[in-house]
Amino acid sequence: MNALKRSLIAVTATLISLSTAGLGTAFAATNKTYTMQPGDTMYKISVAQHVSLSALESANPQITNYKNIRVGQVINIPTSTTVTAHLATAGKTASTVTGSITSGASSTSTERQNILTYAKSLIGTPYAWGGDTPSSGFDCSGFVEYVYGHFGVTLPRESHDQATVGQPVSQSALQPGDLLFFKDTDSSAALYSNHVTHVGIYMGNGAMIESSSSNNNEGVVVVQNVFSNPYYTAHYYGARNVLG
């Protein structure tokens, strides 16, 4: 019997003994550690350890810049055991005991909203072809790479490569933080097998944030009603979930 099962049995036994006092939920939480290896990012570790990126970041408040994590640095990996007891109202006896081992959802709404909040903080940064920092300006894929890199998610530099990462998402299943891709928006499209030449970040309710070369290189802006815009619908390629 492994340690996790023994822990679950112990907590369950405690719940049953407490049921007569009307106590229905117990929670125990622990952290394990991991030593950073070459090529690691917070996102890669969250996927490998089956925890959400936001939970991993919360367990490591000592890290202030997720792009500059050192090889050999020791980080905390959150783990938790949650057991809920449903008590019968009559007699205060345990009718059912349900155990669940939880290590965080793969992509929580909180981390997606954090990504959008950070992306919106860059609104007004001018467009610059080949740009990938606020000081240099952003092109579309440089903006996306920079925003996700801030949260430890490593993406390819160019949109046609970014469109191969993660999992495809149907339009009806889009979540804030998914990436929207567009094809044949400039003359370089024929150079790429998928013809993808533009990318933005879905915000929900049909809106997208992008770095645009339109209107005299206006840069990072929010576009409303993307899927009712004739230009975007004509060039729409698809969407990807890169957060796991």
Protein backbone atom coordinates (compact mmCIF):
# COMPACT_ATOMS: atom_id res chain seq x y z
CA MET A 1 0.00 0.00 0.00
CA ASN A 2 1.56 3.31 -1.02
CA ALA A 3 1.79 6.40 1.17
CA LEU A 4 -0.97 8.24 -0.67
CA LYS A 5 -3.46 5.44 -0.07
CA ARG A 6 -2.45 5.19 3.59
CA SER A 7 -2.98 8.94 3.94
CA LEU A 8 -6.43 8.72 2.38
CA ILE A 9 -7.45 5.87 4.69
CA ALA A 10 -6.20 7.77 7.73
CA VAL A 11 -8.11 10.92 6.83
CA THR A 12 -11.24 8.92 6.02
CA ALA A 13 -11.08 7.19 9.41
CA THR A 14 -10.75 10.56 11.10
CA LEU A 15 -13.80 11.86 9.26
CA ILE A 16 -15.91 8.93 10.34
CA SER A 17 -14.87 9.40 13.95
CA LEU A 18 -15.72 13.09 13.75
CA SER A 19 -19.08 12.61 12.05
CA THR A 20 -21.00 12.42 15.32
CA ALA A 21 -19.78 15.93 16.09
CA GLY A 22 -21.21 17.14 12.82
CA LEU A 23 -17.83 17.73 11.13
CA GLY A 24 -18.04 16.87 7.44
CA THR A 25 -14.83 17.91 5.70
CA ALA A 26 -11.15 17.41 6.33
CA PHE A 27 -8.24 18.79 4.36
CA ALA A 28 -4.54 18.08 4.46
CA ALA A 29 -1.97 19.76 2.25
CA THR A 30 1.73 19.18 1.71
CA ASN A 31 4.44 20.29 -0.69
CA LYS A 32 7.16 18.28 -2.34
CA THR A 33 10.19 19.78 -4.04
CA TYR A 34 11.72 19.61 -7.50
CA THR A 35 15.16 20.67 -8.74
CA MET A 36 15.12 22.66 -11.99
CA GLN A 37 16.78 20.94 -14.96
CA PRO A 38 18.08 22.43 -18.25
CA GLY A 39 15.16 23.40 -20.48
CA ASP A 40 12.61 23.46 -17.66
CA THR A 41 9.92 26.13 -17.47
CA MET A 42 7.18 26.54 -14.91
CA TYR A 43 4.63 25.51 -17.52
CA LYS A 44 6.52 22.32 -18.44
CA ILE A 45 6.82 21.40 -14.77
CA SER A 46 3.13 22.07 -14.11
CA VAL A 47 2.20 19.69 -16.95
CA ALA A 48 4.69 17.01 -15.86
CA GLN A 49 3.59 17.23 -12.21
CA HIS A 50 -0.14 17.41 -13.04
CA VAL A 51 -0.74 20.69 -11.22
CA SER A 52 -2.09 23.97 -12.52
CA LEU A 53 0.33 26.71 -13.44
CA SER A 54 -1.36 29.09 -10.99
CA ALA A 55 -1.04 26.55 -8.14
CA LEU A 56 2.63 26.05 -8.94
CA GLU A 57 3.27 29.80 -8.95
CA SER A 58 1.36 30.24 -5.67
CA ALA A 59 3.53 27.59 -4.04
CA ASN A 60 6.67 29.51 -5.05
CA PRO A 61 6.25 33.16 -4.00
CA GLN A 62 10.03 33.49 -3.84
CA ILE A 63 10.15 33.46 -7.67
CA THR A 64 9.46 36.92 -9.06
CA ASN A 65 10.60 36.41 -12.66
CA TYR A 66 9.53 33.11 -14.19
CA LYS A 67 11.73 33.67 -17.26
CA ASN A 68 14.94 33.64 -15.20
CA ILE A 69 14.72 30.41 -13.25
CA ARG A 70 18.13 28.85 -12.60
CA VAL A 71 19.16 25.27 -13.31
CA GLY A 72 19.55 23.64 -9.90
CA GLN A 73 17.00 25.93 -8.26
CA VAL A 74 14.67 24.02 -5.92
CA ILE A 75 10.97 24.80 -6.22
CA ASN A 76 7.89 23.61 -4.37
CA ILE A 77 5.38 21.27 -6.03
CA PRO A 78 1.92 21.60 -4.40
CA THR A 79 -0.01 18.44 -3.58
CA SER A 80 -3.20 18.04 -1.63
CA THR A 81 -5.50 15.37 -0.31
CA THR A 82 -9.13 16.35 0.08
CA VAL A 83 -11.72 14.05 1.56
CA THR A 84 -15.35 15.10 1.97
CA ALA A 85 -17.79 13.27 4.20
CA HIS A 86 -21.51 13.61 3.55
CA LEU A 87 -23.34 13.18 6.82
CA ALA A 88 -26.89 12.02 7.27
CA THR A 89 -29.04 14.60 9.02
CA ALA A 90 -30.67 11.98 11.23
CA GLY A 91 -28.42 10.57 13.94
CA LYS A 92 -25.33 12.48 12.73
CA THR A 93 -23.85 9.30 11.25
CA ALA A 94 -21.74 9.16 8.13
CA SER A 95 -23.84 7.94 5.24
CA THR A 96 -21.21 8.25 2.54
CA VAL A 97 -17.56 9.13 2.49
CA THR A 98 -16.09 10.38 -0.75
CA GLY A 99 -12.33 10.66 -1.20
CA SER A 100 -10.62 12.66 -3.87
CA ILE A 101 -6.95 13.25 -4.46
CA THR A 102 -6.55 16.67 -6.01
CA SER A 103 -3.47 18.31 -7.52
CA GLY A 104 -5.09 21.22 -9.34
CA ALA A 105 -6.91 21.61 -12.63
CA SER A 106 -4.67 21.70 -15.69
CA SER A 107 -5.80 25.16 -16.63
CA THR A 108 -7.77 27.20 -14.12
CA SER A 109 -9.86 30.22 -14.92
CA THR A 110 -7.68 32.19 -12.51
CA GLU A 111 -4.48 31.69 -14.45
CA ARG A 112 -6.28 32.46 -17.70
CA GLN A 113 -7.59 35.71 -16.25
CA ASN A 114 -4.10 36.54 -14.98
CA ILE A 115 -2.78 36.15 -18.52
CA LEU A 116 -5.47 38.45 -19.88
CA THR A 117 -4.86 41.03 -17.16
CA TYR A 118 -1.17 41.10 -18.02
CA ALA A 119 -1.89 41.26 -21.76
CA LYS A 120 -4.23 44.23 -21.22
CA SER A 121 -1.51 46.03 -19.24
CA LEU A 122 0.41 46.21 -22.54
CA ILE A 123 -2.39 47.93 -24.49
CA GLY A 124 -0.97 50.86 -26.41
CA THR A 125 2.46 49.33 -26.99
CA PRO A 126 3.18 50.16 -30.65
CA TYR A 127 3.46 47.59 -33.42
CA ALA A 128 6.95 46.73 -34.64
CA TRP A 129 7.71 44.00 -37.14
CA GLY A 130 10.00 41.50 -35.41
CA GLY A 131 9.40 43.17 -32.04
CA ASP A 132 9.02 41.06 -28.92
CA THR A 133 9.42 43.44 -25.95
CA PRO A 134 7.52 46.48 -24.70
CA SER A 135 10.55 48.68 -25.38
CA SER A 136 10.96 47.52 -28.97
CA GLY A 137 7.25 47.17 -29.71
CA PHE A 138 5.47 43.95 -30.65
CA ASP A 139 4.46 42.14 -33.76
CA CYS A 140 1.54 39.76 -33.28
CA SER A 141 3.46 36.62 -32.39
CA GLY A 142 6.09 38.52 -30.38
CA PHE A 143 3.28 39.90 -28.21
CA VAL A 144 1.82 36.44 -27.62
CA GLU A 145 5.23 34.92 -26.91
CA TYR A 146 6.06 37.70 -24.45
CA VAL A 147 2.77 37.49 -22.53
CA TYR A 148 2.86 33.73 -22.11
CA GLY A 149 6.58 33.76 -21.37
CA HIS A 150 5.83 36.01 -18.39
CA PHE A 151 3.90 33.07 -16.92
CA GLY A 152 6.54 30.48 -17.73
CA VAL A 153 4.85 29.20 -20.89
CA THR A 154 7.43 28.85 -23.66
CA LEU A 155 6.02 29.30 -27.17
CA PRO A 156 7.69 29.37 -30.59
CA ARG A 157 8.52 32.82 -31.87
CA GLU A 158 6.39 32.89 -35.04
CA SER A 159 2.65 32.49 -35.44
CA HIS A 160 2.79 29.65 -37.97
CA ASP A 161 4.79 27.61 -35.44
CA GLN A 162 2.66 28.68 -32.47
CA ALA A 163 -0.32 27.24 -34.37
CA THR A 164 1.18 23.74 -33.94
CA VAL A 165 1.48 23.90 -30.13
CA GLY A 166 -1.09 22.66 -27.62
CA GLN A 167 -4.49 21.23 -28.47
CA PRO A 168 -6.98 22.40 -31.12
CA VAL A 169 -10.14 24.05 -29.79
CA SER A 170 -13.43 24.41 -31.61
CA GLN A 171 -14.98 27.85 -31.78
CA SER A 172 -17.84 26.73 -29.56
CA ALA A 173 -15.42 25.53 -26.85
CA LEU A 174 -13.15 28.57 -26.72
CA GLN A 175 -11.97 29.79 -23.32
CA PRO A 176 -10.29 33.08 -22.42
CA GLY A 177 -6.56 32.63 -22.90
CA ASP A 178 -6.81 30.36 -25.95
CA LEU A 179 -4.92 31.50 -29.04
CA LEU A 180 -6.73 32.48 -32.26
CA PHE A 181 -4.90 32.02 -35.55
CA PHE A 182 -5.47 33.59 -38.95
CA LYS A 183 -4.09 32.66 -42.35
CA ASP A 184 -3.16 34.50 -45.53
CA THR A 185 -3.11 37.93 -43.92
CA ASP A 186 0.11 38.96 -45.69
CA SER A 187 2.31 37.99 -48.61
CA SER A 188 4.53 35.68 -46.55
CA ALA A 189 1.73 33.14 -46.02
CA ALA A 190 2.84 30.93 -48.92
CA LEU A 191 6.14 30.29 -47.11
CA TYR A 192 4.37 28.23 -44.44
CA SER A 193 2.50 24.98 -44.92
CA ASN A 194 -0.41 26.14 -42.75
CA HIS A 195 -0.37 29.70 -44.19
CA VAL A 196 -0.78 31.11 -40.66
CA THR A 197 0.44 34.70 -40.44
CA HIS A 198 -1.42 36.24 -37.51
CA VAL A 199 -2.29 35.37 -33.90
CA GLY A 200 -4.20 36.93 -31.02
CA ILE A 201 -5.36 35.97 -27.54
CA TYR A 202 -9.05 35.17 -27.03
CA MET A 203 -10.62 37.20 -24.21
CA GLY A 204 -14.12 35.73 -24.14
CA ASN A 205 -17.42 37.09 -25.46
CA GLY A 206 -16.06 37.25 -29.00
CA ALA A 207 -13.19 39.62 -28.13
CA MET A 208 -9.47 39.24 -28.86
CA ILE A 209 -6.35 41.14 -27.83
CA GLU A 210 -3.62 41.39 -30.47
CA SER A 211 -0.74 43.51 -31.71
CA SER A 212 -1.94 45.00 -34.97
CA SER A 213 -0.14 46.75 -37.82
CA SER A 214 -3.42 48.36 -38.90
CA ASN A 215 -4.20 52.06 -38.45
CA ASN A 216 -0.58 53.24 -38.62
CA ASN A 217 0.84 50.42 -36.51
CA GLU A 218 -1.57 50.93 -33.63
CA GLY A 219 -0.05 47.98 -31.77
CA VAL A 220 -1.68 46.19 -28.85
CA VAL A 221 -5.44 46.65 -29.01
CA VAL A 222 -8.66 44.82 -28.14
CA VAL A 223 -10.82 43.73 -31.07
CA GLN A 224 -14.50 43.18 -30.33
CA ASN A 225 -16.84 40.76 -32.16
CA VAL A 226 -14.07 38.89 -33.95
CA PHE A 227 -16.38 36.20 -35.29
CA SER A 228 -18.79 38.66 -36.82
CA ASN A 229 -15.99 40.69 -38.45
CA PRO A 230 -15.81 39.85 -42.18
CA TYR A 231 -12.02 40.25 -42.32
CA TYR A 232 -11.28 37.95 -39.40
CA THR A 233 -13.86 35.32 -40.33
CA ALA A 234 -12.50 35.18 -43.90
CA HIS A 235 -8.97 34.50 -42.61
CA TYR A 236 -9.74 32.42 -39.52
CA TYR A 237 -7.56 29.30 -39.28
CA GLY A 238 -8.42 27.90 -35.86
CA ALA A 239 -7.67 28.07 -32.15
CA ARG A 240 -5.30 26.29 -29.77
CA ASN A 241 -5.22 25.72 -26.02
CA VAL A 242 -1.56 26.04 -24.98
CA LEU A 243 -2.21 25.94 -21.24
CA GLY A 244 -2.84 22.20 -20.91
